C-alpha atoms as a PDB file:
ATOM      1  CA  UNK A   1     159.563  48.321  73.806  1.00  0.00           C
ATOM      2  CA  UNK A   2     158.811  51.313  76.054  1.00  0.00           C
ATOM      3  CA  UNK A   3     157.223  53.079  73.069  1.00  0.00           C
ATOM      4  CA  UNK A   4     154.782  50.181  72.742  1.00  0.00           C
ATOM      5  CA  UNK A   5     153.722  50.534  76.413  1.00  0.00           C
ATOM      6  CA  UNK A   6     153.360  54.298  76.014  1.00  0.00           C
ATOM      7  CA  UNK A   7     151.038  53.828  73.033  1.00  0.00           C
ATOM      8  CA  UNK A   8     149.112  51.096  74.834  1.00  0.00           C
ATOM      9  CA  UNK A   9     148.669  53.259  77.948  1.00  0.00           C
ATOM     10  CA  UNK A  10     147.528  56.209  75.821  1.00  0.00           C
ATOM     11  CA  UNK A  11     144.961  54.056  74.008  1.00  0.00           C
ATOM     12  CA  UNK A  12     143.642  52.690  77.313  1.00  0.00           C
ATOM     13  CA  UNK A  13     143.220  56.206  78.693  1.00  0.00           C
ATOM     14  CA  UNK A  14     141.445  57.380  75.548  1.00  0.00           C
ATOM     15  CA  UNK A  15     139.080  54.406  75.563  1.00  0.00           C
ATOM     16  CA  UNK A  16     138.253  54.784  79.240  1.00  0.00           C
ATOM     17  CA  UNK A  17     137.654  58.522  78.829  1.00  0.00           C
ATOM     18  CA  UNK A  18     135.314  57.985  75.880  1.00  0.00           C
ATOM     19  CA  UNK A  19     133.416  55.293  77.796  1.00  0.00           C
ATOM     20  CA  UNK A  20     132.976  57.626  80.741  1.00  0.00           C
ATOM     21  CA  UNK A  21     131.718  60.394  78.460  1.00  0.00           C
ATOM     22  CA  UNK A  22     129.164  58.139  76.769  1.00  0.00           C
ATOM     23  CA  UNK A  23     127.503  57.063  80.002  1.00  0.00           C
ATOM     24  CA  UNK A  24     125.634  59.850  81.783  1.00  0.00           C
ATOM     25  CA  UNK A  25     123.243  57.711  83.819  1.00  0.00           C
ATOM     26  CA  UNK A  26     124.215  56.303  87.203  1.00  0.00           C
ATOM     27  CA  UNK A  27     122.074  54.112  89.434  1.00  0.00           C
ATOM     28  CA  UNK A  28     120.545  56.075  92.273  1.00  0.00           C
ATOM     29  CA  UNK A  29     121.357  59.425  90.673  1.00  0.00           C
ATOM     30  CA  UNK A  30     118.819  61.866  89.258  1.00  0.00           C
ATOM     31  CA  UNK A  31     118.359  61.777  85.526  1.00  0.00           C
ATOM     32  CA  UNK A  32     117.939  64.821  83.276  1.00  0.00           C
ATOM     33  CA  UNK A  33     114.548  66.533  83.242  1.00  0.00           C
ATOM     34  CA  UNK A  34     112.347  65.997  80.210  1.00  0.00           C
ATOM     35  CA  UNK A  35     111.311  69.554  79.381  1.00  0.00           C
ATOM     36  CA  UNK A  36     109.374  70.943  76.451  1.00  0.00           C
ATOM     37  CA  UNK A  37     108.837  67.483  74.981  1.00  0.00           C
ATOM     38  CA  UNK A  38     106.738  66.973  71.847  1.00  0.00           C
ATOM     39  CA  UNK A  39     104.171  64.371  72.919  1.00  0.00           C
ATOM     40  CA  UNK A  40     102.606  62.376  70.084  1.00  0.00           C
ATOM     41  CA  UNK A  41      98.899  63.310  69.826  1.00  0.00           C
ATOM     42  CA  UNK A  42      99.418  65.629  72.819  1.00  0.00           C
ATOM     43  CA  UNK A  43      99.054  62.710  75.244  1.00  0.00           C
ATOM     44  CA  UNK A  44     101.114  63.164  78.425  1.00  0.00           C
ATOM     45  CA  UNK A  45     100.949  60.106  80.718  1.00  0.00           C
ATOM     46  CA  UNK A  46      99.709  60.527  84.272  1.00  0.00           C
ATOM     47  CA  UNK A  47     102.251  60.777  87.083  1.00  0.00           C
ATOM     48  CA  UNK A  48     103.154  57.469  88.705  1.00  0.00           C
ATOM     49  CA  UNK A  49     105.568  56.286  91.385  1.00  0.00           C
ATOM     50  CA  UNK A  50     107.834  54.888  88.659  1.00  0.00           C
ATOM     51  CA  UNK A  51     108.461  55.630  84.985  1.00  0.00           C
ATOM     52  CA  UNK A  52     109.730  53.246  82.338  1.00  0.00           C
ATOM     53  CA  UNK A  53     111.444  55.137  79.490  1.00  0.00           C
ATOM     54  CA  UNK A  54     112.530  53.388  76.301  1.00  0.00           C
ATOM     55  CA  UNK A  55     114.534  55.077  73.571  1.00  0.00           C
ATOM     56  CA  UNK A  56     113.492  53.655  70.215  1.00  0.00           C
ATOM     57  CA  UNK A  57     113.731  53.868  66.459  1.00  0.00           C
ATOM     58  CA  UNK A  58     110.274  52.900  65.210  1.00  0.00           C
ATOM     59  CA  UNK A  59     111.534  51.010  62.126  1.00  0.00           C
ATOM     60  CA  UNK A  60     113.652  48.711  64.306  1.00  0.00           C
ATOM     61  CA  UNK A  61     112.218  45.233  64.944  1.00  0.00           C
ATOM     62  CA  UNK A  62     114.084  44.853  68.274  1.00  0.00           C
ATOM     63  CA  UNK A  63     112.696  48.231  69.434  1.00  0.00           C
ATOM     64  CA  UNK A  64     109.168  47.225  68.504  1.00  0.00           C
ATOM     65  CA  UNK A  65     109.334  43.805  70.159  1.00  0.00           C
ATOM     66  CA  UNK A  66     110.837  45.110  73.406  1.00  0.00           C
ATOM     67  CA  UNK A  67     108.398  48.042  73.584  1.00  0.00           C
ATOM     68  CA  UNK A  68     105.377  45.804  73.017  1.00  0.00           C
ATOM     69  CA  UNK A  69     106.568  43.186  75.521  1.00  0.00           C
ATOM     70  CA  UNK A  70     107.416  45.700  78.266  1.00  0.00           C
ATOM     71  CA  UNK A  71     104.213  47.699  77.673  1.00  0.00           C
ATOM     72  CA  UNK A  72     102.160  44.567  78.399  1.00  0.00           C
ATOM     73  CA  UNK A  73     104.146  43.938  81.583  1.00  0.00           C
ATOM     74  CA  UNK A  74     103.962  47.550  82.787  1.00  0.00           C
ATOM     75  CA  UNK A  75     100.180  47.575  82.259  1.00  0.00           C
ATOM     76  CA  UNK A  76      99.925  44.854  84.921  1.00  0.00           C
ATOM     77  CA  UNK A  77     101.201  47.345  87.501  1.00  0.00           C
ATOM     78  CA  UNK A  78      99.299  50.411  88.670  1.00  0.00           C
ATOM     79  CA  UNK A  79     102.354  52.406  89.686  1.00  0.00           C
ATOM     80  CA  UNK A  80     104.440  52.629  86.476  1.00  0.00           C
ATOM     81  CA  UNK A  81     104.117  55.079  83.589  1.00  0.00           C
ATOM     82  CA  UNK A  82     105.405  53.977  80.165  1.00  0.00           C
ATOM     83  CA  UNK A  83     107.189  56.433  77.854  1.00  0.00           C
ATOM     84  CA  UNK A  84     108.745  55.844  74.435  1.00  0.00           C
ATOM     85  CA  UNK A  85     111.191  58.429  73.112  1.00  0.00           C
ATOM     86  CA  UNK A  86     112.037  58.637  69.424  1.00  0.00           C
ATOM     87  CA  UNK A  87     114.260  61.064  67.577  1.00  0.00           C
ATOM     88  CA  UNK A  88     111.953  60.638  64.575  1.00  0.00           C
ATOM     89  CA  UNK A  89     109.387  63.238  63.570  1.00  0.00           C
ATOM     90  CA  UNK A  90     105.705  62.357  64.072  1.00  0.00           C
ATOM     91  CA  UNK A  91     105.132  62.397  60.299  1.00  0.00           C
ATOM     92  CA  UNK A  92     107.562  59.518  59.685  1.00  0.00           C
ATOM     93  CA  UNK A  93     107.195  57.421  62.832  1.00  0.00           C
ATOM     94  CA  UNK A  94     105.816  53.907  62.274  1.00  0.00           C
ATOM     95  CA  UNK A  95     102.107  53.495  63.144  1.00  0.00           C
ATOM     96  CA  UNK A  96     102.686  50.755  65.772  1.00  0.00           C
ATOM     97  CA  UNK A  97     103.972  53.428  68.146  1.00  0.00           C
ATOM     98  CA  UNK A  98     100.472  54.928  68.535  1.00  0.00           C
ATOM     99  CA  UNK A  99      99.331  51.672  70.179  1.00  0.00           C
ATOM    100  CA  UNK A 100     101.324  52.821  73.217  1.00  0.00           C
ATOM    101  CA  UNK A 101      99.301  55.934  73.913  1.00  0.00           C
ATOM    102  CA  UNK A 102      96.877  55.693  76.808  1.00  0.00           C
ATOM    103  CA  UNK A 103      96.402  57.404  80.187  1.00  0.00           C
ATOM    104  CA  UNK A 104      99.579  55.835  81.654  1.00  0.00           C
ATOM    105  CA  UNK A 105     101.620  55.756  78.422  1.00  0.00           C
ATOM    106  CA  UNK A 106     102.943  58.288  75.970  1.00  0.00           C
ATOM    107  CA  UNK A 107     105.373  58.834  73.128  1.00  0.00           C
ATOM    108  CA  UNK A 108     107.826  61.694  72.783  1.00  0.00           C
ATOM    109  CA  UNK A 109     108.828  62.405  69.180  1.00  0.00           C
ATOM    110  CA  UNK A 110     111.430  64.469  67.388  1.00  0.00           C
ATOM    111  CA  UNK A 111     113.673  64.783  70.413  1.00  0.00           C
ATOM    112  CA  UNK A 112     117.367  64.105  69.904  1.00  0.00           C
ATOM    113  CA  UNK A 113     117.983  66.520  72.789  1.00  0.00           C
ATOM    114  CA  UNK A 114     116.613  64.087  75.386  1.00  0.00           C
ATOM    115  CA  UNK A 115     118.550  61.181  73.877  1.00  0.00           C
ATOM    116  CA  UNK A 116     121.735  63.239  74.103  1.00  0.00           C
ATOM    117  CA  UNK A 117     121.085  64.403  77.668  1.00  0.00           C
ATOM    118  CA  UNK A 118     120.669  60.775  78.761  1.00  0.00           C
ATOM    119  CA  UNK A 119     123.806  59.766  76.839  1.00  0.00           C
ATOM    120  CA  UNK A 120     121.951  57.215  74.716  1.00  0.00           C
ATOM    121  CA  UNK A 121     123.880  55.970  71.694  1.00  0.00           C
ATOM    122  CA  UNK A 122     121.799  52.978  70.627  1.00  0.00           C
ATOM    123  CA  UNK A 123     118.218  51.741  70.581  1.00  0.00           C
ATOM    124  CA  UNK A 124     116.498  50.037  72.181  1.00  0.00           C
ATOM    125  CA  UNK A 125     117.738  51.425  75.478  1.00  0.00           C
ATOM    126  CA  UNK A 126     115.651  51.757  78.616  1.00  0.00           C
ATOM    127  CA  UNK A 127     115.695  53.438  82.004  1.00  0.00           C
ATOM    128  CA  UNK A 128     113.390  52.921  84.975  1.00  0.00           C
ATOM    129  CA  UNK A 129     113.026  55.946  87.240  1.00  0.00           C
ATOM    130  CA  UNK A 130     111.546  56.365  90.686  1.00  0.00           C
ATOM    131  CA  UNK A 131     109.280  59.311  91.613  1.00  0.00           C
ATOM    132  CA  UNK A 132     112.346  61.516  92.243  1.00  0.00           C
ATOM    133  CA  UNK A 133     113.755  60.836  88.717  1.00  0.00           C
ATOM    134  CA  UNK A 134     116.504  58.609  90.121  1.00  0.00           C
ATOM    135  CA  UNK A 135     117.587  55.752  87.875  1.00  0.00           C
ATOM    136  CA  UNK A 136     116.847  52.399  89.485  1.00  0.00           C
ATOM    137  CA  UNK A 137     117.631  50.340  86.344  1.00  0.00           C
ATOM    138  CA  UNK A 138     119.029  51.005  82.874  1.00  0.00           C
ATOM    139  CA  UNK A 139     120.253  49.024  79.903  1.00  0.00           C
ATOM    140  CA  UNK A 140     119.010  46.864  77.072  1.00  0.00           C
ATOM    141  CA  UNK A 141     115.247  46.326  77.579  1.00  0.00           C
ATOM    142  CA  UNK A 142     115.505  42.917  75.933  1.00  0.00           C
ATOM    143  CA  UNK A 143     117.190  41.797  79.188  1.00  0.00           C
ATOM    144  CA  UNK A 144     114.337  43.123  81.349  1.00  0.00           C
ATOM    145  CA  UNK A 145     111.523  40.860  82.553  1.00  0.00           C
ATOM    146  CA  UNK A 146     108.422  40.936  84.729  1.00  0.00           C
ATOM    147  CA  UNK A 147     110.218  39.603  87.809  1.00  0.00           C
ATOM    148  CA  UNK A 148     112.879  42.309  87.640  1.00  0.00           C
ATOM    149  CA  UNK A 149     110.295  45.064  87.168  1.00  0.00           C
ATOM    150  CA  UNK A 150     108.290  43.708  90.087  1.00  0.00           C
ATOM    151  CA  UNK A 151     111.330  43.657  92.380  1.00  0.00           C
ATOM    152  CA  UNK A 152     112.368  47.168  91.345  1.00  0.00           C
ATOM    153  CA  UNK A 153     108.946  48.684  91.919  1.00  0.00           C
ATOM    154  CA  UNK A 154     107.967  47.020  95.186  1.00  0.00           C
ATOM    155  CA  UNK A 155     106.985  49.634  97.749  1.00  0.00           C
END
C-alpha cells in the first residue's frame, strides 16, 4: 500500500510542477515585452492606457467570434488598444483578421516566440494589460464581457 501512496505523491508533484511551468502570467505582474514583432500591413496600434491582447489561430471559429465580439466592445472605449497575435504567417492567415487593423488595433503574425514567452498553450487566450504591462486580467476571452472590461479599465 505504501508503494501506491509513493506513486500517487510523485504523480501529484509532477502534475503541479507542469501546471506551474505552463502558466507564466500572474495578475499584477509585468508581462513579457513584445519586441521585434511582425505587424500585419505594418500597422502598429497607438499607445493606450490599456491593451487587450488575444492569441488566436485564424481558422478557429471560437477565435474569430471572440475577437470580433471583443473588438466591438473595445472600440467603445478610448483607452484600450486591441492586439491579435497569431503564430501563422501573413500569407496563410485568414482574411477576417485584417478587419481588426485600425489606429487602435493591430495584428502580430508569425510569432510563436511571443506565445511561448506568455506561456500560451491554447487559443483563444487573452490578456488585458495596464500601461505598465501588468496583467490585470487573463483567460478565455469567451468569458469576458463589456461590464468586466469597463470595471477593469476604470480610471
